[in-house]
């Protein structure tokens, strides 16, 4: 088992990187969130990895944090979820957002990820909810509220990605009684500042 890869970054692709580790140049499949955290070509990198082995496929998947690796390994245990779909989930949403969506039963948020339909989102929640009851350090992760789920849907219908929408909403302080329209308006103001 290859637990981690450490070396120099040779090149970046859309969903992979090439890392020079000693005499080897390794192709490592990574989510977009990991690519954005890596430095420029030639910089030193360290990735937490999962070696995926099937009779017709041997692939290496890498992540910038152990939490992402653990979540990836949990996701690929769900029937019908392969490494490409799990990588798509981790590219679109961060580990905390996925965990929160699973714990709160938010199929709407999960089904907005490319390759995830309502049935698949429901299966992910059903199979992983009990396994993700606590956060990474033992703390309870707050659930995504129904208002936020509806706000993400509204923002994605305006052309923003799920990642952009959830990041904008996470920057807004939530107060009781805040209407959906107010959350969407404030999120749009956050997005306009970028």
Protein backbone atom coordinates (compact mmCIF):
# COMPACT_ATOMS: atom_id res chain seq x y z
CA UNK A 1 0.00 0.00 0.00
CA UNK A 2 1.26 3.47 -0.85
CA UNK A 3 0.21 5.72 2.05
CA UNK A 4 1.73 8.97 0.78
CA UNK A 5 3.74 10.42 -2.09
CA UNK A 6 6.35 13.10 -1.51
CA UNK A 7 8.41 14.74 -4.22
CA UNK A 8 8.52 17.56 -6.73
CA UNK A 9 5.54 18.63 -8.80
CA UNK A 10 6.32 18.03 -12.48
CA UNK A 11 2.97 19.03 -14.04
CA UNK A 12 -0.74 19.57 -13.39
CA UNK A 13 -3.71 18.39 -15.41
CA UNK A 14 -7.43 18.95 -14.95
CA UNK A 15 -7.81 16.13 -12.42
CA UNK A 16 -4.29 14.76 -11.98
CA UNK A 17 -0.73 15.74 -11.17
CA UNK A 18 2.63 14.21 -12.02
CA UNK A 19 4.97 13.97 -9.02
CA UNK A 20 8.66 13.06 -9.28
CA UNK A 21 9.34 10.79 -6.30
CA UNK A 22 12.95 9.63 -6.51
CA UNK A 23 13.53 8.01 -9.91
CA UNK A 24 9.77 7.62 -10.54
CA UNK A 25 7.31 10.06 -12.10
CA UNK A 26 3.92 9.15 -10.63
CA UNK A 27 0.56 10.15 -12.06
CA UNK A 28 -1.76 10.86 -9.12
CA UNK A 29 -5.49 11.51 -9.63
CA UNK A 30 -6.54 14.42 -7.39
CA UNK A 31 -9.66 16.54 -6.77
CA UNK A 32 -9.68 20.16 -7.93
CA UNK A 33 -9.42 21.35 -4.32
CA UNK A 34 -6.05 19.60 -3.98
CA UNK A 35 -4.74 20.97 -7.29
CA UNK A 36 -5.54 24.51 -6.14
CA UNK A 37 -3.54 23.97 -2.91
CA UNK A 38 -0.40 22.73 -4.66
CA UNK A 39 2.31 25.18 -5.55
CA UNK A 40 3.84 25.87 -8.92
CA UNK A 41 5.69 23.35 -11.08
CA UNK A 42 8.94 22.28 -9.41
CA UNK A 43 7.71 22.86 -5.85
CA UNK A 44 7.82 20.15 -3.18
CA UNK A 45 4.50 18.39 -2.56
CA UNK A 46 3.15 15.72 -0.24
CA UNK A 47 -0.08 13.87 -0.94
CA UNK A 48 -1.98 11.37 1.23
CA UNK A 49 -2.76 8.55 -1.20
CA UNK A 50 -5.03 5.62 -1.88
CA UNK A 51 -3.93 2.88 -4.28
CA UNK A 52 -7.01 1.67 -6.15
CA UNK A 53 -6.55 -1.83 -7.58
CA UNK A 54 -9.00 -3.68 -9.80
CA UNK A 55 -8.25 -6.40 -12.33
CA UNK A 56 -8.36 -3.90 -15.21
CA UNK A 57 -7.27 -0.72 -13.39
CA UNK A 58 -4.49 0.33 -11.02
CA UNK A 59 -4.70 4.03 -10.10
CA UNK A 60 -3.25 6.28 -7.43
CA UNK A 61 -5.49 8.92 -5.82
CA UNK A 62 -4.01 11.76 -3.77
CA UNK A 63 -5.38 14.32 -1.32
CA UNK A 64 -4.01 17.34 0.50
CA UNK A 65 -5.44 16.26 3.87
CA UNK A 66 -5.99 12.96 5.69
CA UNK A 67 -9.67 13.93 6.15
CA UNK A 68 -10.22 14.04 2.39
CA UNK A 69 -8.49 10.66 2.03
CA UNK A 70 -10.68 9.06 4.72
CA UNK A 71 -13.85 10.50 3.16
CA UNK A 72 -12.78 9.29 -0.31
CA UNK A 73 -12.21 5.79 1.08
CA UNK A 74 -15.65 5.86 2.74
CA UNK A 75 -17.35 7.10 -0.45
CA UNK A 76 -15.94 4.32 -2.64
CA UNK A 77 -17.42 1.72 -0.26
CA UNK A 78 -20.91 2.88 -1.28
CA UNK A 79 -22.39 0.61 -3.95
CA UNK A 80 -22.37 2.38 -7.32
CA UNK A 81 -19.76 4.96 -6.29
CA UNK A 82 -16.40 4.53 -7.96
CA UNK A 83 -13.28 6.60 -7.54
CA UNK A 84 -14.17 9.01 -10.37
CA UNK A 85 -17.53 9.91 -8.81
CA UNK A 86 -15.96 10.20 -5.34
CA UNK A 87 -13.31 12.52 -6.83
CA UNK A 88 -16.06 14.58 -8.48
CA UNK A 89 -17.76 14.96 -5.08
CA UNK A 90 -14.51 16.12 -3.46
CA UNK A 91 -13.86 18.53 -6.33
CA UNK A 92 -17.28 20.15 -6.06
CA UNK A 93 -17.68 20.18 -2.26
CA UNK A 94 -15.14 20.14 0.56
CA UNK A 95 -14.98 17.29 3.09
CA UNK A 96 -16.92 19.20 5.75
CA UNK A 97 -19.73 20.10 3.34
CA UNK A 98 -20.06 16.48 2.17
CA UNK A 99 -20.06 15.20 5.75
CA UNK A 100 -22.62 17.77 6.80
CA UNK A 101 -24.87 16.95 3.81
CA UNK A 102 -24.68 13.23 4.65
CA UNK A 103 -25.44 13.79 8.34
CA UNK A 104 -28.38 16.11 7.63
CA UNK A 105 -29.77 13.92 4.82
CA UNK A 106 -29.38 16.71 2.26
CA UNK A 107 -29.89 14.86 -1.03
CA UNK A 108 -30.46 18.18 -2.84
CA UNK A 109 -26.88 19.34 -2.29
CA UNK A 110 -25.27 15.99 -3.10
CA UNK A 111 -27.37 15.50 -6.26
CA UNK A 112 -26.07 18.77 -7.73
CA UNK A 113 -22.63 17.18 -8.09
CA UNK A 114 -21.97 15.88 -11.64
CA UNK A 115 -22.55 12.11 -11.74
CA UNK A 116 -24.76 12.05 -8.62
CA UNK A 117 -28.51 11.69 -9.01
CA UNK A 118 -31.18 11.68 -6.29
CA UNK A 119 -31.07 7.89 -5.89
CA UNK A 120 -27.29 7.84 -5.62
CA UNK A 121 -27.33 10.75 -3.14
CA UNK A 122 -29.88 8.84 -1.04
CA UNK A 123 -27.72 5.71 -1.15
CA UNK A 124 -24.64 7.69 -0.01
CA UNK A 125 -26.61 9.11 2.92
CA UNK A 126 -28.10 5.72 3.85
CA UNK A 127 -24.78 3.85 3.77
CA UNK A 128 -22.52 6.51 5.35
CA UNK A 129 -24.67 8.44 7.84
CA UNK A 130 -23.85 6.16 10.77
CA UNK A 131 -20.15 6.13 9.89
CA UNK A 132 -19.86 9.93 9.88
CA UNK A 133 -21.75 10.80 13.06
CA UNK A 134 -18.79 12.71 14.50
CA UNK A 135 -16.43 15.18 12.91
CA UNK A 136 -12.74 14.62 12.26
CA UNK A 137 -11.63 15.70 15.74
CA UNK A 138 -14.65 14.24 17.55
CA UNK A 139 -16.75 17.43 17.37
CA UNK A 140 -20.24 17.38 15.94
CA UNK A 141 -20.31 19.00 12.50
CA UNK A 142 -23.28 21.35 12.10
CA UNK A 143 -25.82 20.24 9.53
CA UNK A 144 -26.55 22.28 6.43
CA UNK A 145 -29.90 23.91 7.04
CA UNK A 146 -32.81 23.53 4.64
CA UNK A 147 -32.58 27.28 3.97
CA UNK A 148 -28.94 26.90 2.91
CA UNK A 149 -29.80 23.91 0.75
CA UNK A 150 -32.50 25.95 -0.99
CA UNK A 151 -30.11 28.90 -1.30
CA UNK A 152 -27.49 26.66 -2.96
CA UNK A 153 -30.14 25.49 -5.42
CA UNK A 154 -31.11 29.12 -6.17
CA UNK A 155 -27.48 30.20 -6.67
CA UNK A 156 -26.63 27.24 -8.92
CA UNK A 157 -29.67 28.02 -11.06
CA UNK A 158 -28.09 31.47 -11.56
CA UNK A 159 -24.96 29.84 -12.96
CA UNK A 160 -22.71 29.58 -9.90
CA UNK A 161 -21.06 26.26 -9.05
CA UNK A 162 -22.06 24.34 -5.92
CA UNK A 163 -18.61 25.10 -4.46
CA UNK A 164 -18.97 28.87 -5.08
CA UNK A 165 -22.49 28.88 -3.63
CA UNK A 166 -21.61 26.93 -0.47
CA UNK A 167 -18.47 29.01 0.14
CA UNK A 168 -20.42 32.26 -0.21
CA UNK A 169 -23.13 30.99 2.16
CA UNK A 170 -20.57 29.83 4.72
CA UNK A 171 -19.28 33.44 4.95
CA UNK A 172 -22.71 34.73 5.97
CA UNK A 173 -23.66 34.76 9.63
CA UNK A 174 -26.90 32.85 10.08
CA UNK A 175 -29.59 34.35 12.28
CA UNK A 176 -32.90 32.77 13.23
CA UNK A 177 -35.78 33.83 11.06
CA UNK A 178 -33.60 34.88 8.11
CA UNK A 179 -35.55 34.35 4.91
CA UNK A 180 -34.24 32.44 1.92
CA UNK A 181 -34.30 35.60 -0.20
CA UNK A 182 -32.08 37.40 2.32
CA UNK A 183 -29.55 34.52 2.33
CA UNK A 184 -29.43 34.48 -1.49
CA UNK A 185 -29.06 38.28 -1.69
CA UNK A 186 -26.22 38.29 0.87
CA UNK A 187 -24.50 35.38 -0.91
CA UNK A 188 -24.73 37.27 -4.22
CA UNK A 189 -23.07 40.26 -2.54
CA UNK A 190 -20.26 37.93 -1.33
CA UNK A 191 -19.85 36.50 -4.83
CA UNK A 192 -19.74 39.99 -6.39
CA UNK A 193 -16.77 40.91 -4.16
CA UNK A 194 -14.59 38.21 -5.74
